[in-house]
C-alpha cells in the first residue's frame, strides 16, 4: 500500500548520475522510485554534498558495492510524498532529514528518493531545507569523532580543516561539550570560526604557528596525510587523534603508537537519535550550519567542484527547483 501523492506526471523525475565510474555527473530523466514496505518517498528539497560522493564517482575505491548507473548522495532533507506499507511514524507532508541508507546507495541527487523510515527524523524547526540537507553526514561525523576522542568538559582540542563541512560543526559541538577549541584554517576563515566558538585560530599554512598550537588532549584530524601526522607532536602523552577516514594513510596508526598517543579512525554511521540531538541544538541556538553555496540539481557537477576545490566555509548543497527556502 502506498499513501500520498502520485509524484511527477508519467512517473518520471530528474536525477544526477554517473553512467560510468570517473565520468562527470549528468542530469537525466529517471523512473520515479516507489517506496517498499517500511520506506517513505521523500520529495527532495536539498541534498548535501560530501567528499565521499566525489570519491565514489571518481572511482576512488568506494564504488565496489555500488552499481551503475550511480546516483550519488546520502544527505537529504525534504517532504514526505508517499509512505510504504507499515510506516506509521511519518506521513505525507512531514518535513524530514537524515543520512539515507549509508554506506549503501541512496541516490539523494534527485527530485525524489526512497528511504527507510527509521533513517529520517523531523527537521529542526528553525532550519531551512538547505540547512537541514547540509547537516546529517557532517554533523554525525563530527559528533562521532568527538565521542571517539573522548572530548568533554575541560578538554583542549585541535580541529584541523576547521573551515570545512565537518570542521565548522566539530568546533561548535566541542564547545557545547565544554571543550577549549583551537581551529586550524586559512586566515580568511578565522573571524567566522571565532564567532562559532573557537578560542584560538591558527593558520594551517604557517608551520611555526601550527607548531605552537599545542599542547592538546585531542586532535580532530580532517586532513590526514603528512599534515595530520605533523599534529601528533601537539598532543600530550596519552592524547587521542581521531581521523575522518578508514585506515588509508600508510603508517598513521603505527606512528601514533610510537608517539604514545591513541589513534582512532571514524567512518560515520547512521544515528537517528544523534540527529534528533543535533536538531535540538540547532533549535536552541547552540549549533549553526553554514551553507557556503547552493546549486540547482542541473549544476550537480559544479556543486562537487565547489567542494573539491574548497572554495568557501561550510557545506555546499543541491537544492531542487521547488525548494521554497532555497
Protein backbone atom coordinates (compact mmCIF):
# COMPACT_ATOMS: atom_id res chain seq x y z
CA UNK A 1 0.00 0.00 0.00
CA UNK A 2 1.30 3.46 -0.89
CA UNK A 3 -0.28 6.53 0.64
CA UNK A 4 0.43 10.00 -0.71
CA UNK A 5 0.73 11.85 -3.98
CA UNK A 6 1.27 10.25 -7.34
CA UNK A 7 4.50 12.19 -7.86
CA UNK A 8 5.52 13.74 -11.19
CA UNK A 9 3.45 13.01 -14.25
CA UNK A 10 4.30 9.84 -16.17
CA UNK A 11 6.31 8.50 -13.22
CA UNK A 12 9.48 10.31 -14.30
CA UNK A 13 11.82 12.50 -12.27
CA UNK A 14 15.21 14.14 -12.78
CA UNK A 15 18.39 12.75 -11.24
CA UNK A 16 22.14 13.39 -11.46
CA UNK A 17 24.13 10.23 -12.14
CA UNK A 18 27.40 8.68 -13.22
CA UNK A 19 26.90 6.42 -16.25
CA UNK A 20 30.46 5.11 -15.80
CA UNK A 21 32.96 5.42 -12.95
CA UNK A 22 35.03 8.53 -13.40
CA UNK A 23 32.60 10.16 -15.83
CA UNK A 24 31.18 13.57 -14.90
CA UNK A 25 27.70 13.78 -13.47
CA UNK A 26 24.89 14.14 -15.97
CA UNK A 27 21.28 15.04 -15.21
CA UNK A 28 18.76 12.75 -16.87
CA UNK A 29 15.19 11.52 -16.68
CA UNK A 30 14.86 8.56 -14.30
CA UNK A 31 12.00 6.36 -13.08
CA UNK A 32 10.16 7.65 -10.05
CA UNK A 33 11.04 5.26 -7.17
CA UNK A 34 8.24 3.53 -5.27
CA UNK A 35 8.54 3.09 -1.50
CA UNK A 36 8.78 -0.51 -0.33
CA UNK A 37 7.41 -1.69 2.99
CA UNK A 38 8.94 0.34 5.80
CA UNK A 39 10.07 3.12 3.47
CA UNK A 40 8.96 6.64 2.67
CA UNK A 41 9.33 8.53 -0.58
CA UNK A 42 10.77 11.95 0.02
CA UNK A 43 10.35 14.88 -2.34
CA UNK A 44 13.92 16.12 -2.08
CA UNK A 45 14.29 19.79 -1.26
CA UNK A 46 18.03 19.75 -0.53
CA UNK A 47 20.87 17.23 -0.70
CA UNK A 48 24.21 17.83 0.98
CA UNK A 49 27.46 17.37 -0.93
CA UNK A 50 30.15 15.31 0.83
CA UNK A 51 33.67 14.20 -0.10
CA UNK A 52 32.63 10.55 -0.28
CA UNK A 53 30.16 11.48 -3.04
CA UNK A 54 33.08 12.73 -5.12
CA UNK A 55 35.42 9.85 -4.22
CA UNK A 56 32.81 7.30 -5.25
CA UNK A 57 32.14 8.89 -8.61
CA UNK A 58 35.86 9.25 -9.31
CA UNK A 59 36.48 5.52 -8.89
CA UNK A 60 38.44 6.01 -5.66
CA UNK A 61 37.58 2.65 -4.14
CA UNK A 62 34.20 3.37 -2.57
CA UNK A 63 32.25 2.17 -5.59
CA UNK A 64 32.90 -1.54 -5.04
CA UNK A 65 29.44 -2.13 -3.55
CA UNK A 66 27.67 0.23 -5.99
CA UNK A 67 26.06 -0.45 -9.34
CA UNK A 68 25.92 1.67 -12.47
CA UNK A 69 24.28 3.97 -13.27
CA UNK A 70 25.03 5.50 -9.88
CA UNK A 71 23.12 8.42 -8.34
CA UNK A 72 25.25 9.90 -5.53
CA UNK A 73 24.09 11.46 -2.31
CA UNK A 74 23.26 10.36 1.23
CA UNK A 75 22.36 13.66 2.93
CA UNK A 76 18.75 14.58 2.32
CA UNK A 77 16.04 16.95 3.52
CA UNK A 78 12.57 17.11 2.07
CA UNK A 79 8.86 16.47 2.36
CA UNK A 80 7.23 13.05 2.61
CA UNK A 81 5.46 12.39 -0.67
CA UNK A 82 4.32 8.80 -0.09
CA UNK A 83 4.73 6.06 2.51
CA UNK A 84 5.08 2.31 2.09
CA UNK A 85 3.27 -0.45 3.92
CA UNK A 86 3.69 -0.45 7.68
CA UNK A 87 5.02 3.09 8.06
CA UNK A 88 3.35 4.84 10.96
CA UNK A 89 6.00 7.21 12.29
CA UNK A 90 5.84 9.55 9.27
CA UNK A 91 3.05 10.73 7.00
CA UNK A 92 2.63 12.72 3.78
CA UNK A 93 3.67 16.34 4.24
CA UNK A 94 6.17 15.76 7.07
CA UNK A 95 9.42 17.74 6.78
CA UNK A 96 12.25 15.29 7.46
CA UNK A 97 16.01 14.98 7.14
CA UNK A 98 18.53 12.19 7.54
CA UNK A 99 21.53 10.16 6.44
CA UNK A 100 19.88 7.79 4.00
CA UNK A 101 20.99 4.15 3.69
CA UNK A 102 24.68 4.87 4.26
CA UNK A 103 27.01 3.20 3.30
CA UNK A 104 24.71 1.63 0.69
CA UNK A 105 23.45 3.60 -2.33
CA UNK A 106 20.73 6.13 -1.55
CA UNK A 107 20.52 8.42 -4.59
CA UNK A 108 19.79 11.78 -2.96
CA UNK A 109 20.91 13.78 -6.02
CA UNK A 110 17.39 13.53 -7.41
CA UNK A 111 13.95 15.06 -7.18
CA UNK A 112 12.64 12.06 -5.22
CA UNK A 113 14.27 9.34 -3.14
CA UNK A 114 13.02 6.38 -1.13
CA UNK A 115 14.45 6.00 2.36
CA UNK A 116 13.89 3.56 5.25
CA UNK A 117 11.53 5.41 7.57
CA UNK A 118 13.75 4.94 10.61
CA UNK A 119 16.65 6.80 8.92
CA UNK A 120 14.66 10.04 8.90
CA UNK A 121 13.75 12.41 11.73
CA UNK A 122 11.88 15.73 11.88
CA UNK A 123 13.86 18.71 10.62
CA UNK A 124 14.93 21.35 13.13
CA UNK A 125 12.03 23.79 13.34
CA UNK A 126 14.42 26.71 12.83
CA UNK A 127 16.22 25.22 9.79
CA UNK A 128 15.67 25.83 6.11
CA UNK A 129 15.73 22.87 3.75
CA UNK A 130 19.29 23.70 2.59
CA UNK A 131 20.48 23.90 6.19
CA UNK A 132 18.85 20.59 7.10
CA UNK A 133 20.18 18.95 3.94
CA UNK A 134 23.71 20.08 4.80
CA UNK A 135 23.68 18.59 8.29
CA UNK A 136 23.40 14.79 8.53
CA UNK A 137 26.72 13.30 7.42
CA UNK A 138 28.89 16.22 8.53
CA UNK A 139 27.24 16.69 11.92
CA UNK A 140 27.17 12.97 12.70
CA UNK A 141 30.81 12.62 11.63
CA UNK A 142 31.80 15.49 13.92
CA UNK A 143 29.77 14.09 16.80
CA UNK A 144 31.14 10.57 16.45
CA UNK A 145 34.73 11.80 16.13
CA UNK A 146 34.36 13.84 19.32
CA UNK A 147 32.96 10.76 21.05
CA UNK A 148 35.90 8.66 19.83
CA UNK A 149 38.38 11.30 21.00
CA UNK A 150 36.68 11.47 24.42
CA UNK A 151 36.13 15.20 24.17
CA UNK A 152 34.31 16.59 27.19
CA UNK A 153 34.43 19.39 29.76
CA UNK A 154 37.91 20.90 30.01
CA UNK A 155 39.35 19.02 27.02
CA UNK A 156 41.78 21.03 24.92
CA UNK A 157 41.08 20.02 21.33
CA UNK A 158 42.60 20.96 17.98
CA UNK A 159 40.37 20.77 14.89
CA UNK A 160 42.20 20.62 11.56
CA UNK A 161 40.25 21.52 8.44
CA UNK A 162 38.08 23.63 10.72
CA UNK A 163 36.51 25.65 7.91
CA UNK A 164 35.05 22.60 6.16
CA UNK A 165 31.67 20.96 6.48
CA UNK A 166 32.66 18.63 9.31
CA UNK A 167 35.20 21.01 10.82
CA UNK A 168 32.99 24.02 11.50
CA UNK A 169 30.42 21.72 13.13
CA UNK A 170 33.10 19.93 15.18
CA UNK A 171 34.24 23.29 16.55
CA UNK A 172 30.73 24.08 17.77
CA UNK A 173 29.93 20.62 19.11
CA UNK A 174 33.20 20.58 21.06
CA UNK A 175 32.32 23.94 22.60
CA UNK A 176 28.88 22.59 23.56
CA UNK A 177 30.70 19.81 25.45
CA UNK A 178 32.75 22.33 27.40
CA UNK A 179 36.00 21.92 25.48
CA UNK A 180 38.51 24.61 24.55
CA UNK A 181 39.00 24.64 20.78
CA UNK A 182 41.93 25.62 18.58
CA UNK A 183 40.82 25.81 14.94
CA UNK A 184 43.31 25.29 12.10
CA UNK A 185 42.22 27.11 8.95
CA UNK A 186 43.20 29.81 6.50
CA UNK A 187 43.17 33.36 7.94
CA UNK A 188 40.12 34.41 5.92
CA UNK A 189 38.05 31.92 7.93
CA UNK A 190 39.30 32.94 11.38
CA UNK A 191 36.65 35.59 12.06
CA UNK A 192 33.67 33.27 11.40
CA UNK A 193 35.33 30.45 13.36
CA UNK A 194 35.73 32.73 16.37
CA UNK A 195 32.02 33.54 16.02
CA UNK A 196 31.29 29.80 16.09
CA UNK A 197 33.11 29.44 19.40
CA UNK A 198 36.79 28.73 18.69
CA UNK A 199 39.09 30.01 21.44
CA UNK A 200 42.08 30.28 19.12
CA UNK A 201 42.53 30.16 15.34
CA UNK A 202 45.81 29.22 13.68
CA UNK A 203 46.86 29.50 10.02
CA UNK A 204 47.45 25.91 8.97
CA UNK A 205 49.77 27.04 6.16
CA UNK A 206 52.24 28.53 8.70
CA UNK A 207 54.37 25.69 10.14
CA UNK A 208 55.67 27.80 13.02
CA UNK A 209 52.16 28.82 14.04
CA UNK A 210 50.94 25.22 13.86
CA UNK A 211 53.89 24.05 15.96
CA UNK A 212 52.76 26.45 18.68
CA UNK A 213 49.13 25.29 18.65
CA UNK A 214 49.59 22.68 21.38
CA UNK A 215 49.63 21.09 23.80
CA UNK A 216 46.26 19.43 23.38
CA UNK A 217 44.38 16.44 24.70
CA UNK A 218 42.73 15.58 21.38
CA UNK A 219 43.07 16.27 17.67
CA UNK A 220 40.17 16.02 15.25
CA UNK A 221 42.10 15.31 12.05
CA UNK A 222 40.06 16.17 8.98
CA UNK A 223 43.09 16.45 6.69
CA UNK A 224 45.20 13.32 7.25
CA UNK A 225 48.31 12.62 5.19
CA UNK A 226 51.60 14.20 6.29
CA UNK A 227 49.87 17.24 7.75
CA UNK A 228 47.78 15.05 10.03
CA UNK A 229 50.86 13.21 11.24
CA UNK A 230 52.59 16.52 11.97
CA UNK A 231 49.90 17.21 14.57
CA UNK A 232 50.93 14.20 16.68
CA UNK A 233 53.65 16.33 18.28
CA UNK A 234 50.99 18.71 19.62
CA UNK A 235 49.31 16.04 21.72
CA UNK A 236 50.08 15.33 25.34
CA UNK A 237 51.19 11.76 26.11
CA UNK A 238 48.12 9.56 26.09
CA UNK A 239 46.16 12.02 23.96
CA UNK A 240 43.88 10.96 21.13
CA UNK A 241 43.83 11.73 17.42
CA UNK A 242 40.62 10.93 15.54
CA UNK A 243 40.97 10.56 11.77
CA UNK A 244 37.96 11.02 9.49
CA UNK A 245 38.52 8.01 7.26
CA UNK A 246 39.32 4.34 7.23
CA UNK A 247 42.97 3.41 7.76
CA UNK A 248 44.03 4.68 4.34
CA UNK A 249 47.05 6.71 5.48
CA UNK A 250 50.13 4.43 5.45
CA UNK A 251 51.79 4.17 8.84
CA UNK A 252 49.39 6.58 10.55
CA UNK A 253 48.34 4.33 13.40
CA UNK A 254 51.78 2.82 13.96
CA UNK A 255 53.38 6.26 14.15
CA UNK A 256 50.72 7.40 16.62
CA UNK A 257 51.55 4.46 18.88
CA UNK A 258 55.25 5.30 18.73
CA UNK A 259 54.36 8.84 19.84
CA UNK A 260 52.48 7.48 22.87
CA UNK A 261 49.12 8.67 21.62
CA UNK A 262 45.91 6.87 20.78
CA UNK A 263 44.66 6.92 17.18
CA UNK A 264 41.09 6.11 16.16
CA UNK A 265 39.56 6.02 12.69
CA UNK A 266 35.98 7.17 12.25
CA UNK A 267 33.65 6.24 9.39
CA UNK A 268 30.27 7.79 10.04
CA UNK A 269 27.33 5.57 10.96
CA UNK A 270 23.62 6.44 10.68
CA UNK A 271 22.30 7.60 14.05
CA UNK A 272 18.72 8.92 14.05
CA UNK A 273 18.83 9.66 17.78
CA UNK A 274 22.05 11.59 17.26
CA UNK A 275 20.30 13.62 14.57
CA UNK A 276 17.47 14.41 16.98
CA UNK A 277 20.02 15.80 19.42
CA UNK A 278 21.66 17.81 16.63
CA UNK A 279 18.26 19.21 15.65
CA UNK A 280 17.64 20.20 19.27
CA UNK A 281 20.98 22.03 19.40
CA UNK A 282 20.01 23.99 16.29
CA UNK A 283 16.61 24.86 17.70
CA UNK A 284 18.18 26.16 20.92
CA UNK A 285 20.75 28.26 19.05
CA UNK A 286 23.80 26.27 20.12
CA UNK A 287 24.62 24.91 16.65
CA UNK A 288 24.65 26.60 13.26
CA UNK A 289 25.39 25.01 9.93
CA UNK A 290 26.99 27.28 7.35
CA UNK A 291 25.70 26.69 3.82
CA UNK A 292 28.53 28.12 1.78
CA UNK A 293 26.98 27.50 -1.64
CA UNK A 294 23.72 26.31 -3.17
CA UNK A 295 23.35 24.77 -6.61
CA UNK A 296 20.33 23.60 -8.61
CA UNK A 297 20.18 19.92 -9.50
CA UNK A 298 21.18 20.80 -13.06
CA UNK A 299 24.53 22.03 -11.67
CA UNK A 300 25.33 19.00 -9.51
CA UNK A 301 28.75 18.62 -11.14
CA UNK A 302 29.58 22.24 -10.30
CA UNK A 303 28.48 21.63 -6.71
CA UNK A 304 31.01 18.83 -6.40
CA UNK A 305 33.71 21.05 -7.89
CA UNK A 306 32.98 23.70 -5.25
CA UNK A 307 33.56 21.10 -2.54
CA UNK A 308 36.62 19.57 -4.16
CA UNK A 309 38.32 22.93 -4.61
CA UNK A 310 37.41 24.07 -1.07
CA UNK A 311 36.03 27.38 -2.28
CA UNK A 312 34.34 28.51 0.92
CA UNK A 313 33.33 27.98 4.53
CA UNK A 314 30.92 25.20 5.43
CA UNK A 315 28.84 22.97 3.17
CA UNK A 316 27.58 23.01 -0.41
CA UNK A 317 24.09 21.72 -1.13
CA UNK A 318 21.96 20.86 -4.13
CA UNK A 319 18.51 22.41 -3.99
CA UNK A 320 15.59 21.39 -6.16
CA UNK A 321 13.71 23.91 -8.23
CA UNK A 322 10.66 23.62 -5.96
CA UNK A 323 12.52 24.31 -2.69
CA UNK A 324 10.60 27.14 -1.06
CA UNK A 325 13.51 28.40 1.05
CA UNK A 326 16.43 27.60 -1.23
